[in-house]
Amino acid sequence: MATTADRIDKAAKRRRGGVDLISLETYLAAEPFSAQRPDTLVVYCSDGRWHEQIEEFVRAQCSERADVYAAPGGPAGFSLWGSTLGEAKVCEQAIRFLREHHQLESAWLIAHEGCAYYRTKYGPLEAGYIRRRQFEDLDRARDAILRWYPNLVVRKVYAFLKADCVAFARLPD
């Protein structure tokens, strides 16, 4: 016969999708959870070599807590010129979802020097040509977002190496 404790345990497992989370090895984050939705979105490349510095920049210049959309090439995915139709559609759906459910007020688009997405797409072309394409894709991404949400503030940033550090240049609108 099941005891009250057994019934409570079974009910708790059902609420967690049938998994007893308490008995699993867990990591407890030191940063407390905040239920307040971020009002800033940051779109950047998924290249992990740049994450720590980009996250530092985001906290210092954009928002303490921002929504993030990271994918190969970052903002390149918004443009049919810089991506595929499928990539552009996924980007659009993600931005529309976040804007609708998180009441975003601003978006930051960050491209970075030496991006493998661009090197793969454009091959052995000179770095200056690739950088121009990145800037054009940032413009196209900004234009697309503003077409969907004219009241959103959209900023463009280019990250590059300066000595042993990562520098961030805010690009003009």
Protein backbone atom coordinates (compact mmCIF):
# COMPACT_ATOMS: atom_id res chain seq x y z
CA MET A 1 0.00 0.00 0.00
CA ALA A 2 1.36 3.44 -1.01
CA THR A 3 2.04 5.91 1.74
CA THR A 4 1.28 9.63 1.56
CA ALA A 5 5.00 10.28 1.00
CA ASP A 6 5.02 7.85 -1.96
CA ARG A 7 1.99 9.59 -3.51
CA ILE A 8 3.60 13.03 -3.06
CA ASP A 9 6.86 11.73 -4.59
CA LYS A 10 5.01 10.28 -7.60
CA ALA A 11 3.09 13.55 -8.08
CA ALA A 12 6.33 15.55 -7.94
CA LYS A 13 7.91 13.26 -10.56
CA ARG A 14 4.91 13.71 -12.86
CA ARG A 15 5.25 17.51 -12.60
CA ARG A 16 8.92 17.20 -13.63
CA GLY A 17 8.17 15.03 -16.65
CA GLY A 18 8.64 11.74 -14.80
CA VAL A 19 12.23 12.51 -13.74
CA ASP A 20 13.28 12.76 -10.12
CA LEU A 21 15.44 15.88 -10.44
CA ILE A 22 16.36 15.85 -6.77
CA SER A 23 18.35 12.60 -7.11
CA LEU A 24 20.31 13.79 -10.18
CA GLU A 25 23.71 15.44 -9.98
CA THR A 26 23.02 19.18 -10.16
CA TYR A 27 24.85 22.47 -10.31
CA LEU A 28 23.40 25.38 -8.36
CA ALA A 29 24.08 28.76 -9.98
CA ALA A 30 25.22 31.52 -7.66
CA GLU A 31 23.33 34.17 -9.64
CA PRO A 32 19.71 34.36 -8.43
CA PHE A 33 16.87 33.96 -10.93
CA SER A 34 14.97 37.05 -12.01
CA ALA A 35 11.49 36.69 -13.49
CA GLN A 36 11.72 40.13 -15.12
CA ARG A 37 12.02 39.81 -18.90
CA PRO A 38 15.02 41.42 -20.59
CA ASP A 39 14.21 44.37 -22.86
CA THR A 40 17.37 43.99 -24.96
CA LEU A 41 18.26 41.42 -27.60
CA VAL A 42 21.84 40.73 -28.67
CA VAL A 43 22.53 38.84 -31.91
CA TYR A 44 26.04 37.51 -32.42
CA CYS A 45 28.07 34.67 -33.90
CA SER A 46 28.21 31.37 -32.02
CA ASP A 47 32.04 31.26 -32.23
CA GLY A 48 33.00 30.42 -28.65
CA ARG A 49 36.39 32.15 -28.90
CA TRP A 50 34.57 35.48 -28.67
CA HIS A 51 31.85 34.69 -26.10
CA GLU A 52 33.54 35.82 -22.92
CA GLN A 53 34.47 39.23 -24.35
CA ILE A 54 31.09 39.70 -26.04
CA GLU A 55 29.28 38.87 -22.81
CA GLU A 56 31.48 41.39 -20.98
CA PHE A 57 30.64 44.03 -23.61
CA VAL A 58 26.93 43.22 -23.39
CA ARG A 59 26.87 43.60 -19.59
CA ALA A 60 28.87 46.85 -19.72
CA GLN A 61 27.26 48.54 -22.75
CA CYS A 62 23.90 46.93 -23.53
CA SER A 63 22.15 45.29 -20.59
CA GLU A 64 22.88 43.39 -17.38
CA ARG A 65 20.54 40.68 -18.68
CA ALA A 66 19.88 40.44 -22.39
CA ASP A 67 18.14 37.91 -24.56
CA VAL A 68 20.70 36.29 -26.85
CA TYR A 69 20.40 34.84 -30.35
CA ALA A 70 23.69 33.18 -31.29
CA ALA A 71 24.20 31.37 -34.58
CA PRO A 72 27.05 30.95 -37.07
CA GLY A 73 27.61 34.36 -38.67
CA GLY A 74 25.28 36.04 -36.15
CA PRO A 75 23.49 38.91 -37.93
CA ALA A 76 24.36 37.42 -41.36
CA GLY A 77 21.42 35.08 -40.90
CA PHE A 78 18.92 37.91 -41.33
CA SER A 79 19.93 38.62 -44.88
CA LEU A 80 19.20 36.49 -47.92
CA TRP A 81 22.38 37.98 -49.36
CA GLY A 82 24.43 36.62 -46.48
CA SER A 83 22.58 33.40 -45.69
CA THR A 84 20.04 30.92 -46.99
CA LEU A 85 16.26 31.30 -47.06
CA GLY A 86 16.01 28.78 -44.22
CA GLU A 87 18.48 30.67 -42.03
CA ALA A 88 16.75 33.99 -42.70
CA LYS A 89 13.36 32.50 -41.81
CA VAL A 90 14.66 31.03 -38.55
CA CYS A 91 16.18 34.39 -37.58
CA GLU A 92 12.95 36.21 -38.38
CA GLN A 93 10.86 33.75 -36.36
CA ALA A 94 13.20 34.00 -33.37
CA ILE A 95 13.16 37.81 -33.37
CA ARG A 96 9.39 37.96 -33.78
CA PHE A 97 8.95 35.49 -30.91
CA LEU A 98 11.28 37.38 -28.58
CA ARG A 99 9.79 40.76 -29.48
CA GLU A 100 6.25 39.53 -28.91
CA HIS A 101 6.90 37.68 -25.65
CA HIS A 102 9.68 39.77 -24.11
CA GLN A 103 8.67 43.32 -25.04
CA LEU A 104 12.08 44.14 -26.47
CA GLU A 105 13.05 47.80 -26.75
CA SER A 106 16.47 47.43 -28.37
CA ALA A 107 18.59 45.05 -30.39
CA TRP A 108 22.36 44.92 -30.72
CA LEU A 109 23.87 43.22 -33.77
CA ILE A 110 27.49 42.13 -33.33
CA ALA A 111 29.80 40.82 -36.06
CA HIS A 112 33.42 39.87 -35.43
CA GLU A 113 36.74 39.80 -37.21
CA GLY A 114 37.91 36.49 -38.66
CA CYS A 115 34.45 34.92 -38.72
CA ALA A 116 34.60 31.36 -40.07
CA TYR A 117 31.05 31.69 -41.43
CA TYR A 118 32.26 34.39 -43.83
CA ARG A 119 35.53 32.65 -44.61
CA THR A 120 33.59 29.51 -45.56
CA LYS A 121 31.08 31.46 -47.65
CA TYR A 122 33.57 33.70 -49.47
CA GLY A 123 36.71 31.58 -49.43
CA PRO A 124 40.17 33.07 -49.78
CA LEU A 125 39.02 36.64 -50.44
CA GLU A 126 40.88 39.46 -48.75
CA ALA A 127 39.95 40.44 -45.21
CA GLY A 128 38.83 43.92 -46.34
CA TYR A 129 36.24 42.44 -48.71
CA ILE A 130 34.90 40.12 -46.01
CA ARG A 131 34.69 42.99 -43.51
CA ARG A 132 32.70 45.07 -46.05
CA ARG A 133 30.31 42.14 -46.50
CA GLN A 134 29.90 41.89 -42.73
CA PHE A 135 29.10 45.61 -42.54
CA GLU A 136 26.59 45.23 -45.39
CA ASP A 137 24.98 42.28 -43.61
CA LEU A 138 24.77 44.31 -40.40
CA ASP A 139 22.97 47.03 -42.38
CA ARG A 140 20.60 44.49 -43.94
CA ALA A 141 19.87 42.89 -40.57
CA ARG A 142 19.17 46.31 -39.05
CA ASP A 143 16.89 47.23 -41.97
CA ALA A 144 14.97 43.94 -41.68
CA ILE A 145 14.40 44.34 -37.94
CA LEU A 146 13.28 47.96 -38.39
CA ARG A 147 10.85 46.90 -41.13
CA TRP A 148 9.24 44.50 -38.67
CA TYR A 149 9.49 46.77 -35.62
CA PRO A 150 10.04 50.44 -36.53
CA ASN A 151 10.11 51.52 -32.87
CA LEU A 152 12.91 49.17 -31.87
CA VAL A 153 16.32 50.78 -31.35
CA VAL A 154 18.88 48.78 -33.36
CA ARG A 155 22.63 49.19 -32.91
CA LYS A 156 25.47 47.67 -34.95
CA VAL A 157 28.83 46.67 -33.49
CA TYR A 158 32.01 45.20 -34.95
CA ALA A 159 34.38 43.25 -32.66
CA PHE A 160 38.04 42.98 -33.63
CA LEU A 161 41.40 42.11 -32.14
CA LYS A 162 43.52 44.98 -30.83
CA ALA A 163 46.81 43.62 -29.51
CA ASP A 164 45.76 40.77 -27.20
CA CYS A 165 42.35 42.25 -26.47
CA VAL A 166 38.96 42.36 -28.15
CA ALA A 167 37.75 45.85 -29.06
CA PHE A 168 34.19 46.79 -29.96
CA ALA A 169 33.42 49.58 -32.43
CA ARG A 170 29.90 50.95 -32.56
CA LEU A 171 29.09 51.48 -36.23
CA PRO A 172 27.05 54.42 -37.47
CA ASP A 173 23.41 53.92 -38.42
